[in-house]
Amino acid sequence: QVQLVESGGGLVQPGGSLSVSCAASGSTFSIGAMGWYRQAPGKQREMVATLGSGGKNYADSVKGRFTISRDNAKNTVYLQMDSLKPEDTAVYYCCAFTNTGTYWGQGTQVTVSS
C-alpha cells in the first residue's frame, strides 16, 4: 500500500505561480512513475505531468509553464506551476504507479482568479 498526501494549492491571480507537493509513504519501494492529474468541475480527470524512468511527460496545455520534479530521498513529487491561467483551475491529484496498481492522493484545490 502507498499513501499520498498533497499540500500546497490555493488561490492565485492569473499570471501568478503556485507549487504543490505530494509526499508518499508506505511501500514506497514499489513506486515507479509518479505524476499529477487534475479535474475541473464538469470535466474528466486529465493528465497534467508524469515523471518516471522514461523521463517527463506534460500535457500540451501546460508545456512550458509547469515543471514536475521528484526528490526520491524524501519520496516527494512536486509540481511548479507558473503563468497560471483561469483554465488551470481544478482539483489537482497526485498519483503513484506501482506494479500492483495506481494510488491517488486526496486532491488539492488550485483556483486561478482575479
C-alpha atoms as a PDB file:
ATOM      1  CA  GLN A   1       0.000   0.000   0.000  1.00  0.00           C
ATOM      2  CA  VAL A   2       1.083   3.541  -0.782  1.00  0.00           C
ATOM      3  CA  GLN A   3      -0.330   6.642   0.863  1.00  0.00           C
ATOM      4  CA  LEU A   4      -0.093  10.024  -0.832  1.00  0.00           C
ATOM      5  CA  VAL A   5      -0.623  13.366   0.858  1.00  0.00           C
ATOM      6  CA  GLU A   6      -0.720  16.548  -1.179  1.00  0.00           C
ATOM      7  CA  SER A   7      -0.002  20.019   0.132  1.00  0.00           C
ATOM      8  CA  GLY A   8       0.057  23.462  -1.345  1.00  0.00           C
ATOM      9  CA  GLY A   9      -2.538  24.790  -3.712  1.00  0.00           C
ATOM     10  CA  GLY A  10      -4.850  27.689  -3.026  1.00  0.00           C
ATOM     11  CA  LEU A  11      -5.938  30.877  -4.738  1.00  0.00           C
ATOM     12  CA  VAL A  12      -3.695  32.771  -7.156  1.00  0.00           C
ATOM     13  CA  GLN A  13      -4.203  35.537  -9.668  1.00  0.00           C
ATOM     14  CA  PRO A  14      -3.817  34.918 -13.405  1.00  0.00           C
ATOM     15  CA  GLY A  15      -0.183  35.037 -14.391  1.00  0.00           C
ATOM     16  CA  GLY A  16       0.914  34.008 -10.915  1.00  0.00           C
ATOM     17  CA  SER A  17       2.760  30.963  -9.652  1.00  0.00           C
ATOM     18  CA  LEU A  18       1.951  28.180  -7.263  1.00  0.00           C
ATOM     19  CA  SER A  19       3.608  24.995  -6.151  1.00  0.00           C
ATOM     20  CA  VAL A  20       2.050  21.768  -4.926  1.00  0.00           C
ATOM     21  CA  SER A  21       3.828  18.814  -3.405  1.00  0.00           C
ATOM     22  CA  CYS A  22       2.965  15.214  -2.667  1.00  0.00           C
ATOM     23  CA  ALA A  23       4.623  13.035  -0.054  1.00  0.00           C
ATOM     24  CA  ALA A  24       4.447   9.277  -0.400  1.00  0.00           C
ATOM     25  CA  SER A  25       4.607   6.809   2.471  1.00  0.00           C
ATOM     26  CA  GLY A  26       4.128   3.092   2.943  1.00  0.00           C
ATOM     27  CA  SER A  27       5.507   0.753   0.289  1.00  0.00           C
ATOM     28  CA  THR A  28       7.409   3.496  -1.490  1.00  0.00           C
ATOM     29  CA  PHE A  29       9.928   0.975  -2.815  1.00  0.00           C
ATOM     30  CA  SER A  30       7.210  -0.244  -5.173  1.00  0.00           C
ATOM     31  CA  ILE A  31       6.651   3.126  -6.820  1.00  0.00           C
ATOM     32  CA  GLY A  32       7.725   3.534 -10.404  1.00  0.00           C
ATOM     33  CA  ALA A  33       6.463   6.678 -12.033  1.00  0.00           C
ATOM     34  CA  MET A  34       4.631   9.468 -10.236  1.00  0.00           C
ATOM     35  CA  GLY A  35       2.524  12.222 -11.634  1.00  0.00           C
ATOM     36  CA  TRP A  36      -0.132  14.877 -11.344  1.00  0.00           C
ATOM     37  CA  TYR A  37      -3.646  14.842 -12.759  1.00  0.00           C
ATOM     38  CA  ARG A  38      -6.387  17.434 -12.453  1.00  0.00           C
ATOM     39  CA  GLN A  39     -10.146  17.569 -12.636  1.00  0.00           C
ATOM     40  CA  ALA A  40     -12.127  20.723 -13.287  1.00  0.00           C
ATOM     41  CA  PRO A  41     -15.848  20.965 -12.469  1.00  0.00           C
ATOM     42  CA  GLY A  42     -17.909  19.089 -15.029  1.00  0.00           C
ATOM     43  CA  LYS A  43     -14.844  17.682 -16.769  1.00  0.00           C
ATOM     44  CA  GLN A  44     -12.990  14.391 -16.773  1.00  0.00           C
ATOM     45  CA  ARG A  45      -9.757  13.942 -14.885  1.00  0.00           C
ATOM     46  CA  GLU A  46      -6.814  14.657 -17.152  1.00  0.00           C
ATOM     47  CA  MET A  47      -3.073  14.064 -17.019  1.00  0.00           C
ATOM     48  CA  VAL A  48      -1.005  17.136 -16.243  1.00  0.00           C
ATOM     49  CA  ALA A  49       2.511  15.743 -15.878  1.00  0.00           C
ATOM     50  CA  THR A  50       4.253  12.466 -15.145  1.00  0.00           C
ATOM     51  CA  LEU A  51       7.805  11.579 -14.201  1.00  0.00           C
ATOM     52  CA  GLY A  52       9.320   8.143 -14.466  1.00  0.00           C
ATOM     53  CA  SER A  53      12.255   6.199 -15.806  1.00  0.00           C
ATOM     54  CA  GLY A  54      11.254   7.287 -19.300  1.00  0.00           C
ATOM     55  CA  GLY A  55      11.527  10.937 -18.379  1.00  0.00           C
ATOM     56  CA  LYS A  56       8.998  13.711 -18.014  1.00  0.00           C
ATOM     57  CA  ASN A  57       5.721  13.995 -19.877  1.00  0.00           C
ATOM     58  CA  TYR A  58       3.465  17.052 -19.944  1.00  0.00           C
ATOM     59  CA  ALA A  59       0.019  17.810 -21.256  1.00  0.00           C
ATOM     60  CA  ASP A  60       0.199  20.190 -24.200  1.00  0.00           C
ATOM     61  CA  SER A  61      -1.842  22.737 -22.266  1.00  0.00           C
ATOM     62  CA  VAL A  62       0.839  23.112 -19.569  1.00  0.00           C
ATOM     63  CA  LYS A  63       4.084  22.664 -21.517  1.00  0.00           C
ATOM     64  CA  GLY A  64       6.482  25.499 -20.864  1.00  0.00           C
ATOM     65  CA  ARG A  65       4.508  26.652 -17.801  1.00  0.00           C
ATOM     66  CA  PHE A  66       4.535  23.696 -15.390  1.00  0.00           C
ATOM     67  CA  THR A  67       7.515  21.729 -14.117  1.00  0.00           C
ATOM     68  CA  ILE A  68       7.383  18.347 -12.403  1.00  0.00           C
ATOM     69  CA  SER A  69      10.217  17.190 -10.195  1.00  0.00           C
ATOM     70  CA  ARG A  70      10.871  14.454  -7.699  1.00  0.00           C
ATOM     71  CA  ASP A  71      13.009  14.016  -4.602  1.00  0.00           C
ATOM     72  CA  ASN A  72      13.467  10.281  -4.179  1.00  0.00           C
ATOM     73  CA  ALA A  73      15.171  10.675  -0.804  1.00  0.00           C
ATOM     74  CA  LYS A  74      12.036  12.369   0.521  1.00  0.00           C
ATOM     75  CA  ASN A  75       9.607  10.266  -1.537  1.00  0.00           C
ATOM     76  CA  THR A  76       8.073  13.530  -2.699  1.00  0.00           C
ATOM     77  CA  VAL A  77       6.955  14.797  -6.077  1.00  0.00           C
ATOM     78  CA  TYR A  78       6.468  18.465  -6.840  1.00  0.00           C
ATOM     79  CA  LEU A  79       4.602  20.479  -9.423  1.00  0.00           C
ATOM     80  CA  GLN A  80       5.706  24.061 -10.005  1.00  0.00           C
ATOM     81  CA  MET A  81       3.042  25.998 -11.858  1.00  0.00           C
ATOM     82  CA  ASP A  82       3.913  29.315 -13.499  1.00  0.00           C
ATOM     83  CA  SER A  83       1.986  31.702 -15.730  1.00  0.00           C
ATOM     84  CA  LEU A  84      -1.236  30.281 -14.369  1.00  0.00           C
ATOM     85  CA  LYS A  85      -4.456  30.761 -16.296  1.00  0.00           C
ATOM     86  CA  PRO A  86      -8.088  30.623 -15.143  1.00  0.00           C
ATOM     87  CA  GLU A  87      -8.472  27.391 -17.108  1.00  0.00           C
ATOM     88  CA  ASP A  88      -5.898  25.791 -14.819  1.00  0.00           C
ATOM     89  CA  THR A  89      -8.464  25.924 -12.021  1.00  0.00           C
ATOM     90  CA  ALA A  90      -9.097  22.381 -10.847  1.00  0.00           C
ATOM     91  CA  VAL A  91      -8.530  19.857  -8.104  1.00  0.00           C
ATOM     92  CA  TYR A  92      -5.018  18.527  -8.548  1.00  0.00           C
ATOM     93  CA  TYR A  93      -4.359  14.894  -7.696  1.00  0.00           C
ATOM     94  CA  CYS A  94      -1.037  13.212  -7.109  1.00  0.00           C
ATOM     95  CA  CYS A  95      -0.645   9.635  -8.298  1.00  0.00           C
ATOM     96  CA  ALA A  96       1.886   6.858  -7.916  1.00  0.00           C
ATOM     97  CA  PHE A  97       2.180   3.959 -10.311  1.00  0.00           C
ATOM     98  CA  THR A  98       3.248   0.582  -8.922  1.00  0.00           C
ATOM     99  CA  ASN A  99       3.277  -2.931 -10.289  1.00  0.00           C
ATOM    100  CA  THR A 100       0.223  -3.702  -8.177  1.00  0.00           C
ATOM    101  CA  GLY A 101      -1.856  -0.678  -9.075  1.00  0.00           C
ATOM    102  CA  THR A 102      -2.184   3.076  -9.112  1.00  0.00           C
ATOM    103  CA  TYR A 103      -2.580   5.107  -5.944  1.00  0.00           C
ATOM    104  CA  TRP A 104      -4.129   8.549  -5.621  1.00  0.00           C
ATOM    105  CA  GLY A 105      -3.924  11.391  -3.169  1.00  0.00           C
ATOM    106  CA  GLN A 106      -6.973  13.173  -1.803  1.00  0.00           C
ATOM    107  CA  GLY A 107      -6.530  16.159  -4.101  1.00  0.00           C
ATOM    108  CA  THR A 108      -5.788  19.817  -3.518  1.00  0.00           C
ATOM    109  CA  GLN A 109      -7.728  22.750  -4.940  1.00  0.00           C
ATOM    110  CA  VAL A 110      -5.999  25.238  -7.218  1.00  0.00           C
ATOM    111  CA  THR A 111      -8.046  28.290  -8.146  1.00  0.00           C
ATOM    112  CA  VAL A 112      -6.803  30.901 -10.617  1.00  0.00           C
ATOM    113  CA  SER A 113      -8.927  34.019 -10.417  1.00  0.00           C
ATOM    114  CA  SER A 114      -8.645  37.749 -10.107  1.00  0.00           C
END
